[in-house]
Amino acid sequence: MKKLILTTVLISVFAIASFSQTLNKNTLCKKWYLQKYEVMWINYKPEEKEKNDYIHLKSDMTYTTIDGGVFSNGK
């Protein structure tokens, strides 16, 4: 009986872990804004020139970005 319960629990854990590793590409395809930096578990606010920085990831595998007030794009 214990063996059956342990096997069921292990299969459930592996199923949940493998599901969490799958990621739909469209989940990432949106505009991401810079909100903070984290270094050694300490959060820092972006500098004044970085307040409006973002990266826009598109489903055709291209991106546009503003980094430090400078616009760029690429693939």
N, C-alpha and C. Protein backbone atom coordinates (compact mmCIF):
# COMPACT_ATOMS: atom_id res chain seq x y z
N MET A 1 0.82 -1.20 0.00
CA MET A 1 0.00 0.00 0.00
C MET A 1 0.87 1.26 0.00
N LYS A 2 1.90 1.26 0.87
CA LYS A 2 2.80 2.41 0.92
C LYS A 2 3.52 2.62 -0.41
N LYS A 3 3.85 1.52 -1.06
CA LYS A 3 4.54 1.60 -2.34
C LYS A 3 3.64 2.24 -3.40
N LEU A 4 2.38 1.93 -3.39
CA LEU A 4 1.42 2.48 -4.34
C LEU A 4 1.25 3.99 -4.12
N ILE A 5 1.14 4.39 -2.88
CA ILE A 5 0.99 5.82 -2.55
C ILE A 5 2.25 6.58 -2.94
N LEU A 6 3.41 6.04 -2.62
CA LEU A 6 4.67 6.69 -2.97
C LEU A 6 4.82 6.83 -4.48
N THR A 7 4.46 5.79 -5.22
CA THR A 7 4.54 5.84 -6.68
C THR A 7 3.60 6.90 -7.24
N THR A 8 2.39 6.97 -6.71
CA THR A 8 1.42 7.97 -7.16
C THR A 8 1.93 9.38 -6.88
N VAL A 9 2.48 9.61 -5.71
CA VAL A 9 3.01 10.93 -5.35
C VAL A 9 4.17 11.30 -6.26
N LEU A 10 5.08 10.37 -6.50
CA LEU A 10 6.23 10.65 -7.37
C LEU A 10 5.80 10.96 -8.80
N ILE A 11 4.86 10.22 -9.32
CA ILE A 11 4.38 10.49 -10.67
C ILE A 11 3.72 11.86 -10.73
N SER A 12 2.96 12.21 -9.71
CA SER A 12 2.32 13.54 -9.67
C SER A 12 3.35 14.65 -9.64
N VAL A 13 4.38 14.49 -8.84
CA VAL A 13 5.44 15.52 -8.74
C VAL A 13 6.15 15.68 -10.07
N PHE A 14 6.49 14.58 -10.73
CA PHE A 14 7.16 14.66 -12.02
C PHE A 14 6.27 15.28 -13.08
N ALA A 15 4.98 14.98 -13.05
CA ALA A 15 4.05 15.57 -14.02
C ALA A 15 3.95 17.07 -13.83
N ILE A 16 3.87 17.53 -12.59
CA ILE A 16 3.79 18.96 -12.31
C ILE A 16 5.09 19.66 -12.70
N ALA A 17 6.22 19.05 -12.37
CA ALA A 17 7.52 19.65 -12.69
C ALA A 17 7.73 19.74 -14.20
N SER A 18 7.34 18.73 -14.94
CA SER A 18 7.54 18.78 -16.38
C SER A 18 6.59 19.78 -17.02
N PHE A 19 5.40 19.95 -16.50
CA PHE A 19 4.46 20.94 -17.03
C PHE A 19 4.99 22.35 -16.80
N SER A 20 5.62 22.60 -15.68
CA SER A 20 6.11 23.95 -15.39
C SER A 20 7.28 24.33 -16.29
N GLN A 21 7.93 23.37 -16.91
CA GLN A 21 9.07 23.65 -17.78
C GLN A 21 8.65 23.99 -19.20
N THR A 22 7.41 23.75 -19.56
CA THR A 22 6.95 24.09 -20.90
C THR A 22 6.52 25.54 -20.91
N LEU A 23 6.84 26.23 -21.99
CA LEU A 23 6.53 27.64 -22.09
C LEU A 23 6.06 27.96 -23.50
N ASN A 24 4.96 28.63 -23.57
CA ASN A 24 4.44 29.04 -24.86
C ASN A 24 5.18 30.31 -25.30
N LYS A 25 5.64 30.33 -26.53
CA LYS A 25 6.39 31.48 -27.05
C LYS A 25 5.58 32.76 -26.93
N ASN A 26 4.29 32.68 -27.15
CA ASN A 26 3.44 33.87 -27.11
C ASN A 26 3.34 34.46 -25.71
N THR A 27 3.67 33.69 -24.69
CA THR A 27 3.66 34.21 -23.32
C THR A 27 4.71 35.32 -23.16
N LEU A 28 5.83 35.18 -23.84
CA LEU A 28 6.91 36.17 -23.73
C LEU A 28 6.77 37.31 -24.72
N CYS A 29 5.95 37.16 -25.73
CA CYS A 29 5.83 38.16 -26.79
C CYS A 29 4.93 39.30 -26.36
N LYS A 30 5.55 40.27 -25.73
CA LYS A 30 4.85 41.48 -25.30
C LYS A 30 5.89 42.53 -24.96
N LYS A 31 5.45 43.68 -24.51
CA LYS A 31 6.36 44.76 -24.16
C LYS A 31 6.71 44.65 -22.67
N TRP A 32 8.01 44.58 -22.38
CA TRP A 32 8.50 44.45 -21.02
C TRP A 32 9.19 45.75 -20.61
N TYR A 33 8.77 46.32 -19.51
CA TYR A 33 9.34 47.58 -19.01
C TYR A 33 10.33 47.31 -17.89
N LEU A 34 11.36 48.13 -17.82
CA LEU A 34 12.34 48.04 -16.75
C LEU A 34 11.75 48.64 -15.49
N GLN A 35 11.65 47.83 -14.44
CA GLN A 35 11.09 48.31 -13.18
C GLN A 35 12.13 48.39 -12.08
N LYS A 36 13.08 47.44 -12.09
CA LYS A 36 14.10 47.43 -11.04
C LYS A 36 15.27 46.56 -11.48
N TYR A 37 16.39 46.74 -10.79
CA TYR A 37 17.54 45.86 -10.90
C TYR A 37 17.61 45.07 -9.61
N GLU A 38 18.08 43.84 -9.67
CA GLU A 38 18.31 43.06 -8.46
C GLU A 38 19.72 42.53 -8.50
N VAL A 39 20.52 42.93 -7.52
CA VAL A 39 21.91 42.48 -7.42
C VAL A 39 22.11 41.97 -6.00
N MET A 40 22.46 40.71 -5.89
CA MET A 40 22.69 40.08 -4.59
C MET A 40 21.50 40.31 -3.66
N TRP A 41 20.31 40.08 -4.15
CA TRP A 41 19.05 40.17 -3.42
C TRP A 41 18.71 41.58 -2.95
N ILE A 42 19.35 42.58 -3.51
CA ILE A 42 19.04 43.98 -3.19
C ILE A 42 18.45 44.62 -4.45
N ASN A 43 17.30 45.26 -4.31
CA ASN A 43 16.62 45.90 -5.44
C ASN A 43 17.06 47.34 -5.58
N TYR A 44 17.29 47.75 -6.83
CA TYR A 44 17.67 49.12 -7.15
C TYR A 44 16.70 49.68 -8.17
N LYS A 45 16.31 50.92 -8.03
CA LYS A 45 15.47 51.58 -9.02
C LYS A 45 16.33 51.99 -10.21
N PRO A 46 15.73 52.03 -11.42
CA PRO A 46 16.50 52.48 -12.58
C PRO A 46 16.82 53.97 -12.48
N GLU A 47 17.90 54.37 -13.14
CA GLU A 47 18.28 55.78 -13.16
C GLU A 47 17.24 56.59 -13.93
N GLU A 48 17.31 57.90 -13.84
CA GLU A 48 16.34 58.78 -14.47
C GLU A 48 16.26 58.56 -15.99
N LYS A 49 17.42 58.38 -16.65
CA LYS A 49 17.42 58.19 -18.11
C LYS A 49 16.89 56.82 -18.52
N GLU A 50 16.74 55.89 -17.56
CA GLU A 50 16.26 54.55 -17.86
C GLU A 50 14.80 54.34 -17.48
N LYS A 51 14.13 55.36 -17.02
CA LYS A 51 12.76 55.21 -16.51
C LYS A 51 11.79 54.69 -17.56
N ASN A 52 11.96 55.03 -18.83
CA ASN A 52 11.04 54.61 -19.89
C ASN A 52 11.59 53.47 -20.74
N ASP A 53 12.62 52.78 -20.27
CA ASP A 53 13.23 51.69 -21.04
C ASP A 53 12.29 50.50 -21.13
N TYR A 54 12.34 49.84 -22.28
CA TYR A 54 11.54 48.63 -22.48
C TYR A 54 12.17 47.77 -23.56
N ILE A 55 11.70 46.54 -23.65
CA ILE A 55 11.99 45.67 -24.79
C ILE A 55 10.66 45.08 -25.22
N HIS A 56 10.39 45.13 -26.52
CA HIS A 56 9.15 44.58 -27.07
C HIS A 56 9.52 43.37 -27.90
N LEU A 57 9.20 42.18 -27.37
CA LEU A 57 9.48 40.93 -28.06
C LEU A 57 8.28 40.58 -28.93
N LYS A 58 8.53 40.28 -30.19
CA LYS A 58 7.45 40.01 -31.14
C LYS A 58 7.46 38.53 -31.55
N SER A 59 6.30 38.04 -31.98
CA SER A 59 6.16 36.62 -32.30
C SER A 59 6.95 36.21 -33.55
N ASP A 60 7.36 37.17 -34.38
CA ASP A 60 8.17 36.83 -35.56
C ASP A 60 9.67 36.82 -35.24
N MET A 61 9.99 36.74 -33.95
CA MET A 61 11.36 36.63 -33.44
C MET A 61 12.17 37.91 -33.64
N THR A 62 11.52 39.06 -33.72
CA THR A 62 12.20 40.34 -33.77
C THR A 62 11.90 41.09 -32.47
N TYR A 63 12.63 42.17 -32.25
CA TYR A 63 12.40 42.97 -31.06
C TYR A 63 12.66 44.44 -31.36
N THR A 64 12.06 45.28 -30.56
CA THR A 64 12.40 46.70 -30.53
C THR A 64 12.67 47.04 -29.08
N THR A 65 13.57 47.98 -28.85
CA THR A 65 13.93 48.31 -27.48
C THR A 65 14.33 49.77 -27.36
N ILE A 66 14.13 50.29 -26.19
CA ILE A 66 14.71 51.58 -25.80
C ILE A 66 15.58 51.30 -24.59
N ASP A 67 16.86 51.55 -24.73
CA ASP A 67 17.84 51.26 -23.67
C ASP A 67 18.64 52.53 -23.40
N GLY A 68 18.39 53.13 -22.27
CA GLY A 68 19.07 54.38 -21.93
C GLY A 68 18.65 55.53 -22.83
N GLY A 69 17.42 55.47 -23.35
CA GLY A 69 16.92 56.49 -24.23
C GLY A 69 17.28 56.30 -25.69
N VAL A 70 17.97 55.21 -26.02
CA VAL A 70 18.40 54.94 -27.40
C VAL A 70 17.54 53.82 -27.97
N PHE A 71 16.86 54.09 -29.10
CA PHE A 71 16.02 53.09 -29.76
C PHE A 71 16.86 52.17 -30.62
N SER A 72 16.53 50.88 -30.60
CA SER A 72 17.16 49.92 -31.51
C SER A 72 16.19 48.78 -31.77
N ASN A 73 16.49 48.00 -32.81
CA ASN A 73 15.67 46.85 -33.12
C ASN A 73 16.58 45.77 -33.69
N GLY A 74 16.03 44.57 -33.79
CA GLY A 74 16.84 43.48 -34.31
C GLY A 74 16.07 42.20 -34.38
N LYS A 75 16.82 41.15 -34.67
CA LYS A 75 16.22 39.81 -34.79
C LYS A 75 17.04 38.83 -34.01
